[in-house]
Amino acid sequence: MDHIFGSFVVPNHAVRPCGWCQSLCVFLLLFFFNINYSLAGGDPVVDENRAISAEEAAEIMASSKSAAAGEELFNQVCVYCHGAKGAGGKARKMQCRQYDSQYLYKTISNGKKRGSMVMPSWKRSYSEQIRWELVSYIDTLKSLETCP
């Protein structure tokens, strides 16, 4: 049966979505779900069978190589909310502030919710080593040249 819109007659087959249109909608839905899933933590990263010891964490914190690796990750993942070099943005600035390294590690690992701001948990996305490297970089932000 044809559909009549004012003086226009539209054949019945033109009203139903075609197969490729439905396929495109399903693809886009799955694509965006996959992006959301990976940003929210995605599949867990397999850590070593043991946790990093306090001594190993201290070594990571003291290493300039670790801080450089942490900076690279910060620029990929954290800069959107915390700004370039931790200058602030949607979330608090991280420059010129003293943080306890354990507090930073736990916050990065478990996430945090403050009002409508939500920082995701990264423990399923990044190994302990990588999370400590990120803490190492954030620790360098307390003593920038611009800090009083």
C-alpha atoms as a PDB file:
ATOM      1  CA  MET A   1       0.000   0.000   0.000  1.00  0.00           C
ATOM      2  CA  ASP A   2       1.325   3.422  -0.917  1.00  0.00           C
ATOM      3  CA  HIS A   3       1.537   6.287   1.593  1.00  0.00           C
ATOM      4  CA  ILE A   4       0.063   9.664   0.704  1.00  0.00           C
ATOM      5  CA  PHE A   5       1.723  12.828   2.058  1.00  0.00           C
ATOM      6  CA  GLY A   6      -0.190  15.846   0.776  1.00  0.00           C
ATOM      7  CA  SER A   7       0.063  15.624  -2.997  1.00  0.00           C
ATOM      8  CA  PHE A   8       2.998  13.167  -2.868  1.00  0.00           C
ATOM      9  CA  VAL A   9       2.582   9.436  -3.139  1.00  0.00           C
ATOM     10  CA  VAL A  10       5.412   7.421  -1.632  1.00  0.00           C
ATOM     11  CA  PRO A  11       5.647   3.733  -2.520  1.00  0.00           C
ATOM     12  CA  ASN A  12       5.485   1.378   0.462  1.00  0.00           C
ATOM     13  CA  HIS A  13       9.008   0.029  -0.063  1.00  0.00           C
ATOM     14  CA  ALA A  14      10.496   3.541   0.329  1.00  0.00           C
ATOM     15  CA  VAL A  15       9.152   3.912   3.887  1.00  0.00           C
ATOM     16  CA  ARG A  16      10.788   0.813   5.341  1.00  0.00           C
ATOM     17  CA  PRO A  17      14.485   1.074   6.195  1.00  0.00           C
ATOM     18  CA  CYS A  18      16.643  -0.892   3.817  1.00  0.00           C
ATOM     19  CA  GLY A  19      19.026  -3.649   4.910  1.00  0.00           C
ATOM     20  CA  TRP A  20      22.229  -1.619   4.612  1.00  0.00           C
ATOM     21  CA  CYS A  21      20.728   1.188   6.723  1.00  0.00           C
ATOM     22  CA  GLN A  22      19.895  -1.234   9.520  1.00  0.00           C
ATOM     23  CA  SER A  23      23.368  -2.752   9.260  1.00  0.00           C
ATOM     24  CA  LEU A  24      24.962   0.679   9.487  1.00  0.00           C
ATOM     25  CA  CYS A  25      22.934   1.533  12.595  1.00  0.00           C
ATOM     26  CA  VAL A  26      23.949  -1.733  14.275  1.00  0.00           C
ATOM     27  CA  PHE A  27      27.602  -1.172  13.334  1.00  0.00           C
ATOM     28  CA  LEU A  28      27.605   2.391  14.727  1.00  0.00           C
ATOM     29  CA  LEU A  29      25.923   1.243  17.937  1.00  0.00           C
ATOM     30  CA  LEU A  30      28.498  -1.513  18.454  1.00  0.00           C
ATOM     31  CA  PHE A  31      31.369   0.796  17.511  1.00  0.00           C
ATOM     32  CA  PHE A  32      30.412   3.455  20.049  1.00  0.00           C
ATOM     33  CA  PHE A  33      29.751   0.837  22.729  1.00  0.00           C
ATOM     34  CA  ASN A  34      33.219  -0.588  22.127  1.00  0.00           C
ATOM     35  CA  ILE A  35      34.859   2.851  22.471  1.00  0.00           C
ATOM     36  CA  ASN A  36      32.950   3.516  25.695  1.00  0.00           C
ATOM     37  CA  TYR A  37      33.881   0.103  27.035  1.00  0.00           C
ATOM     38  CA  SER A  38      37.586   0.607  26.383  1.00  0.00           C
ATOM     39  CA  LEU A  39      37.585   4.135  27.870  1.00  0.00           C
ATOM     40  CA  ALA A  40      35.844   2.899  30.987  1.00  0.00           C
ATOM     41  CA  GLY A  41      38.500   0.335  31.755  1.00  0.00           C
ATOM     42  CA  GLY A  42      37.994  -2.375  29.141  1.00  0.00           C
ATOM     43  CA  ASP A  43      39.401  -5.831  29.671  1.00  0.00           C
ATOM     44  CA  PRO A  44      41.657  -6.309  32.648  1.00  0.00           C
ATOM     45  CA  VAL A  45      45.378  -6.141  32.134  1.00  0.00           C
ATOM     46  CA  VAL A  46      47.091  -9.228  33.436  1.00  0.00           C
ATOM     47  CA  ASP A  47      49.479  -8.202  36.187  1.00  0.00           C
ATOM     48  CA  GLU A  48      52.351 -10.274  37.384  1.00  0.00           C
ATOM     49  CA  ASN A  49      51.383 -12.870  39.989  1.00  0.00           C
ATOM     50  CA  ARG A  50      52.728 -10.671  42.746  1.00  0.00           C
ATOM     51  CA  ALA A  51      52.205  -7.084  43.749  1.00  0.00           C
ATOM     52  CA  ILE A  52      54.962  -4.497  43.402  1.00  0.00           C
ATOM     53  CA  SER A  53      56.796  -4.128  46.680  1.00  0.00           C
ATOM     54  CA  ALA A  54      57.314  -0.804  48.438  1.00  0.00           C
ATOM     55  CA  GLU A  55      60.995  -0.897  47.435  1.00  0.00           C
ATOM     56  CA  GLU A  56      60.126  -1.450  43.774  1.00  0.00           C
ATOM     57  CA  ALA A  57      57.582   1.377  43.918  1.00  0.00           C
ATOM     58  CA  ALA A  58      60.246   3.652  45.431  1.00  0.00           C
ATOM     59  CA  GLU A  59      62.650   2.718  42.606  1.00  0.00           C
ATOM     60  CA  ILE A  60      59.998   3.534  40.006  1.00  0.00           C
ATOM     61  CA  MET A  61      59.290   6.874  41.702  1.00  0.00           C
ATOM     62  CA  ALA A  62      62.993   7.784  41.692  1.00  0.00           C
ATOM     63  CA  SER A  63      63.569   6.912  38.032  1.00  0.00           C
ATOM     64  CA  SER A  64      63.530   9.699  35.438  1.00  0.00           C
ATOM     65  CA  LYS A  65      62.739   7.031  32.819  1.00  0.00           C
ATOM     66  CA  SER A  66      59.588   6.142  34.736  1.00  0.00           C
ATOM     67  CA  ALA A  67      58.577   9.794  34.979  1.00  0.00           C
ATOM     68  CA  ALA A  68      59.029  10.170  31.195  1.00  0.00           C
ATOM     69  CA  ALA A  69      56.878   7.080  30.576  1.00  0.00           C
ATOM     70  CA  GLY A  70      54.296   8.451  33.006  1.00  0.00           C
ATOM     71  CA  GLU A  71      54.275  11.791  31.189  1.00  0.00           C
ATOM     72  CA  GLU A  72      53.539  10.052  27.901  1.00  0.00           C
ATOM     73  CA  LEU A  73      50.566   8.229  29.438  1.00  0.00           C
ATOM     74  CA  PHE A  74      49.389  11.402  31.204  1.00  0.00           C
ATOM     75  CA  ASN A  75      49.364  13.220  27.856  1.00  0.00           C
ATOM     76  CA  GLN A  76      47.294  10.436  26.302  1.00  0.00           C
ATOM     77  CA  VAL A  77      44.795   9.771  29.074  1.00  0.00           C
ATOM     78  CA  CYS A  78      44.765  12.435  31.794  1.00  0.00           C
ATOM     79  CA  VAL A  79      45.309  15.713  29.952  1.00  0.00           C
ATOM     80  CA  TYR A  80      41.661  15.988  28.910  1.00  0.00           C
ATOM     81  CA  CYS A  81      40.556  16.629  32.506  1.00  0.00           C
ATOM     82  CA  HIS A  82      43.766  17.670  34.278  1.00  0.00           C
ATOM     83  CA  GLY A  83      45.191  19.893  31.523  1.00  0.00           C
ATOM     84  CA  ALA A  84      48.626  19.980  29.884  1.00  0.00           C
ATOM     85  CA  LYS A  85      51.335  19.387  32.476  1.00  0.00           C
ATOM     86  CA  GLY A  86      48.598  19.158  35.085  1.00  0.00           C
ATOM     87  CA  ALA A  87      47.628  22.843  34.718  1.00  0.00           C
ATOM     88  CA  GLY A  88      43.981  22.043  35.424  1.00  0.00           C
ATOM     89  CA  GLY A  89      40.841  21.976  33.366  1.00  0.00           C
ATOM     90  CA  LYS A  90      37.711  20.023  34.172  1.00  0.00           C
ATOM     91  CA  ALA A  91      39.492  18.598  37.196  1.00  0.00           C
ATOM     92  CA  ARG A  92      41.809  20.188  39.735  1.00  0.00           C
ATOM     93  CA  LYS A  93      45.239  21.334  38.721  1.00  0.00           C
ATOM     94  CA  MET A  94      48.053  19.064  39.790  1.00  0.00           C
ATOM     95  CA  GLN A  95      50.936  21.517  39.493  1.00  0.00           C
ATOM     96  CA  CYS A  96      52.699  22.891  42.568  1.00  0.00           C
ATOM     97  CA  ARG A  97      50.829  20.558  44.919  1.00  0.00           C
ATOM     98  CA  GLN A  98      52.215  18.025  47.365  1.00  0.00           C
ATOM     99  CA  TYR A  99      50.598  14.600  47.061  1.00  0.00           C
ATOM    100  CA  ASP A 100      51.183  11.447  49.005  1.00  0.00           C
ATOM    101  CA  SER A 101      52.293   8.868  46.429  1.00  0.00           C
ATOM    102  CA  GLN A 102      50.094   6.160  47.984  1.00  0.00           C
ATOM    103  CA  TYR A 103      47.066   8.470  47.733  1.00  0.00           C
ATOM    104  CA  LEU A 104      47.787   9.134  44.048  1.00  0.00           C
ATOM    105  CA  TYR A 105      48.309   5.448  43.327  1.00  0.00           C
ATOM    106  CA  LYS A 106      45.046   4.470  45.026  1.00  0.00           C
ATOM    107  CA  THR A 107      43.133   7.253  43.275  1.00  0.00           C
ATOM    108  CA  ILE A 108      44.505   6.262  39.859  1.00  0.00           C
ATOM    109  CA  SER A 109      43.815   2.602  40.572  1.00  0.00           C
ATOM    110  CA  ASN A 110      40.323   2.903  42.061  1.00  0.00           C
ATOM    111  CA  GLY A 111      39.039   6.128  40.537  1.00  0.00           C
ATOM    112  CA  LYS A 112      37.203   8.850  42.398  1.00  0.00           C
ATOM    113  CA  LYS A 113      33.847  10.557  42.394  1.00  0.00           C
ATOM    114  CA  ARG A 114      33.416  14.135  43.560  1.00  0.00           C
ATOM    115  CA  GLY A 115      30.019  15.652  42.798  1.00  0.00           C
ATOM    116  CA  SER A 116      29.383  15.231  39.086  1.00  0.00           C
ATOM    117  CA  MET A 117      33.095  14.701  38.344  1.00  0.00           C
ATOM    118  CA  VAL A 118      34.054  11.067  37.922  1.00  0.00           C
ATOM    119  CA  MET A 119      37.593   9.819  37.471  1.00  0.00           C
ATOM    120  CA  PRO A 120      37.558   6.247  36.177  1.00  0.00           C
ATOM    121  CA  SER A 121      39.420   3.389  37.754  1.00  0.00           C
ATOM    122  CA  TRP A 122      42.512   2.443  35.751  1.00  0.00           C
ATOM    123  CA  LYS A 123      43.516  -0.762  37.555  1.00  0.00           C
ATOM    124  CA  ARG A 124      41.846  -2.927  34.923  1.00  0.00           C
ATOM    125  CA  SER A 125      43.537  -1.015  32.104  1.00  0.00           C
ATOM    126  CA  TYR A 126      47.119  -0.538  33.269  1.00  0.00           C
ATOM    127  CA  SER A 127      49.547  -2.678  35.207  1.00  0.00           C
ATOM    128  CA  GLU A 128      50.887  -1.652  38.616  1.00  0.00           C
ATOM    129  CA  GLN A 129      54.178  -0.680  36.973  1.00  0.00           C
ATOM    130  CA  ILE A 130      52.456   1.720  34.582  1.00  0.00           C
ATOM    131  CA  ARG A 131      50.300   3.229  37.322  1.00  0.00           C
ATOM    132  CA  TRP A 132      53.418   3.855  39.442  1.00  0.00           C
ATOM    133  CA  GLU A 133      55.079   5.503  36.425  1.00  0.00           C
ATOM    134  CA  LEU A 134      52.097   7.835  36.212  1.00  0.00           C
ATOM    135  CA  VAL A 135      52.465   8.637  39.925  1.00  0.00           C
ATOM    136  CA  SER A 136      56.157   9.287  39.299  1.00  0.00           C
ATOM    137  CA  TYR A 137      55.319  11.863  36.621  1.00  0.00           C
ATOM    138  CA  ILE A 138      52.640  13.578  38.716  1.00  0.00           C
ATOM    139  CA  ASP A 139      55.185  13.837  41.523  1.00  0.00           C
ATOM    140  CA  THR A 140      57.442  15.901  39.218  1.00  0.00           C
ATOM    141  CA  LEU A 141      54.677  18.501  38.806  1.00  0.00           C
ATOM    142  CA  LYS A 142      55.100  19.716  42.395  1.00  0.00           C
ATOM    143  CA  SER A 143      58.397  21.416  41.609  1.00  0.00           C
ATOM    144  CA  LEU A 144      57.953  23.117  38.237  1.00  0.00           C
ATOM    145  CA  GLU A 145      59.737  26.404  37.574  1.00  0.00           C
ATOM    146  CA  THR A 146      56.379  28.193  37.735  1.00  0.00           C
ATOM    147  CA  CYS A 147      55.758  26.983  41.301  1.00  0.00           C
ATOM    148  CA  PRO A 148      56.256  29.526  44.082  1.00  0.00           C
END
